[in-house]
């Protein structure tokens, strides 16, 4: 299980290094999963990228920025994110995406051009 982030789904002005790093981590997990096909039987591992949105932890306080109101509305409890991540990993899923808002964000990032999304969030 790799802790990635929903930030991996699209670029984020003002948070660009973090989002780019998480996009790399998601790509890395996908590559690891694909590379397993070359391994002998019995050597495969369950690899899942955990892509939550904001989680109620001390991490956000350490950023030195005020958490936006919209993130406060959908902040997840760490134990619920972890429980879903474990279930998704045991089912062999590539990603574990917690909450309907983050699943909708993921879908939007696949359907709507990033340039349009970036205009809206900038």
Protein backbone atom coordinates (compact mmCIF):
# COMPACT_ATOMS: atom_id res chain seq x y z
CA UNK A 1 0.00 0.00 0.00
CA UNK A 2 1.46 3.33 -1.11
CA UNK A 3 0.13 6.60 0.27
CA UNK A 4 -0.31 8.80 -2.77
CA UNK A 5 -3.01 11.53 -2.73
CA UNK A 6 -5.88 12.87 -4.76
CA UNK A 7 -3.42 15.66 -5.62
CA UNK A 8 -2.01 13.17 -8.15
CA UNK A 9 -5.06 13.59 -10.37
CA UNK A 10 -4.30 17.06 -11.74
CA UNK A 11 -1.90 20.01 -11.42
CA UNK A 12 -2.59 22.39 -8.52
CA UNK A 13 -1.39 26.00 -8.63
CA UNK A 14 0.13 26.98 -5.30
CA UNK A 15 0.66 23.32 -4.48
CA UNK A 16 2.53 22.36 -7.64
CA UNK A 17 5.53 20.49 -6.22
CA UNK A 18 3.32 18.41 -3.94
CA UNK A 19 0.86 17.58 -6.77
CA UNK A 20 3.68 16.73 -9.19
CA UNK A 21 5.31 14.47 -6.61
CA UNK A 22 2.03 12.66 -6.02
CA UNK A 23 1.47 12.29 -9.78
CA UNK A 24 4.89 10.63 -9.93
CA UNK A 25 3.95 8.32 -7.05
CA UNK A 26 0.75 7.24 -8.81
CA UNK A 27 2.66 6.59 -12.03
CA UNK A 28 5.24 4.61 -10.04
CA UNK A 29 2.57 2.39 -8.48
CA UNK A 30 1.02 1.75 -11.88
CA UNK A 31 4.44 0.82 -13.28
CA UNK A 32 5.16 -1.54 -10.38
CA UNK A 33 1.86 -3.29 -10.93
CA UNK A 34 2.61 -3.71 -14.65
CA UNK A 35 6.13 -5.01 -13.99
CA UNK A 36 4.75 -7.85 -11.90
CA UNK A 37 3.56 -9.63 -15.03
CA UNK A 38 7.20 -10.53 -15.72
CA UNK A 39 7.62 -12.12 -12.28
CA UNK A 40 7.26 -15.85 -11.72
CA UNK A 41 4.03 -17.14 -10.23
CA UNK A 42 3.90 -16.67 -6.46
CA UNK A 43 6.09 -13.56 -6.51
CA UNK A 44 3.30 -11.07 -7.23
CA UNK A 45 2.36 -8.58 -4.52
CA UNK A 46 -0.82 -6.59 -4.03
CA UNK A 47 0.06 -2.97 -4.75
CA UNK A 48 -2.49 -0.20 -4.20
CA UNK A 49 -2.17 3.59 -4.47
CA UNK A 50 -4.16 5.28 -1.71
CA UNK A 51 -5.54 8.55 -3.07
CA UNK A 52 -7.57 10.36 -0.42
CA UNK A 53 -8.32 14.04 -0.28
CA UNK A 54 -7.67 16.00 2.89
CA UNK A 55 -7.39 13.85 6.02
CA UNK A 56 -7.81 15.08 9.59
CA UNK A 57 -4.15 14.92 10.62
CA UNK A 58 -1.40 17.24 11.78
CA UNK A 59 0.01 17.37 8.23
CA UNK A 60 -2.25 20.22 7.15
CA UNK A 61 -1.30 22.30 10.19
CA UNK A 62 2.36 21.91 9.24
CA UNK A 63 1.81 23.59 5.88
CA UNK A 64 1.51 26.97 7.54
CA UNK A 65 -1.57 27.81 5.47
CA UNK A 66 -5.22 28.04 6.36
CA UNK A 67 -7.12 24.97 5.17
CA UNK A 68 -9.68 26.10 2.57
CA UNK A 69 -13.32 25.87 3.68
CA UNK A 70 -14.21 23.39 0.94
CA UNK A 71 -11.51 20.97 2.13
CA UNK A 72 -12.79 21.26 5.70
CA UNK A 73 -16.22 20.11 4.49
CA UNK A 74 -14.89 16.85 3.07
CA UNK A 75 -11.99 16.03 5.41
CA UNK A 76 -11.80 12.31 6.07
CA UNK A 77 -11.08 10.42 9.26
CA UNK A 78 -7.72 8.59 9.06
CA UNK A 79 -9.11 5.28 10.31
CA UNK A 80 -11.81 5.22 7.62
CA UNK A 81 -9.30 5.96 4.86
CA UNK A 82 -7.01 3.21 6.18
CA UNK A 83 -9.86 0.68 6.42
CA UNK A 84 -10.91 1.31 2.82
CA UNK A 85 -7.29 1.20 1.65
CA UNK A 86 -6.85 -2.22 3.25
CA UNK A 87 -10.07 -3.58 1.71
CA UNK A 88 -9.15 -2.24 -1.73
CA UNK A 89 -5.66 -3.70 -1.45
CA UNK A 90 -7.01 -7.11 -0.51
CA UNK A 91 -9.29 -6.95 -3.56
CA UNK A 92 -6.26 -6.22 -5.75
CA UNK A 93 -7.39 -2.75 -6.76
CA UNK A 94 -4.95 -0.32 -8.33
CA UNK A 95 -6.29 2.66 -6.39
CA UNK A 96 -8.18 3.33 -3.21
CA UNK A 97 -10.15 6.56 -3.49
CA UNK A 98 -12.03 7.56 -0.33
CA UNK A 99 -15.27 9.53 -0.50
CA UNK A 100 -17.69 10.50 -3.23
CA UNK A 101 -16.18 13.98 -3.64
CA UNK A 102 -12.73 12.59 -4.38
CA UNK A 103 -14.14 9.93 -6.71
CA UNK A 104 -16.01 12.72 -8.54
CA UNK A 105 -12.79 14.75 -8.71
CA UNK A 106 -10.98 11.77 -10.21
CA UNK A 107 -13.73 11.28 -12.81
CA UNK A 108 -13.72 14.99 -13.67
CA UNK A 109 -9.94 14.94 -14.09
CA UNK A 110 -10.37 12.23 -16.73
CA UNK A 111 -13.32 13.82 -18.56
CA UNK A 112 -12.64 17.57 -18.42
CA UNK A 113 -9.50 19.09 -19.99
CA UNK A 114 -7.02 20.09 -17.30
CA UNK A 115 -6.72 23.57 -18.82
CA UNK A 116 -10.41 24.17 -18.06
CA UNK A 117 -10.12 22.85 -14.51
CA UNK A 118 -7.03 25.00 -13.90
CA UNK A 119 -8.92 28.12 -15.03
CA UNK A 120 -11.67 27.35 -12.54
CA UNK A 121 -9.39 26.66 -9.56
CA UNK A 122 -6.87 29.44 -10.27
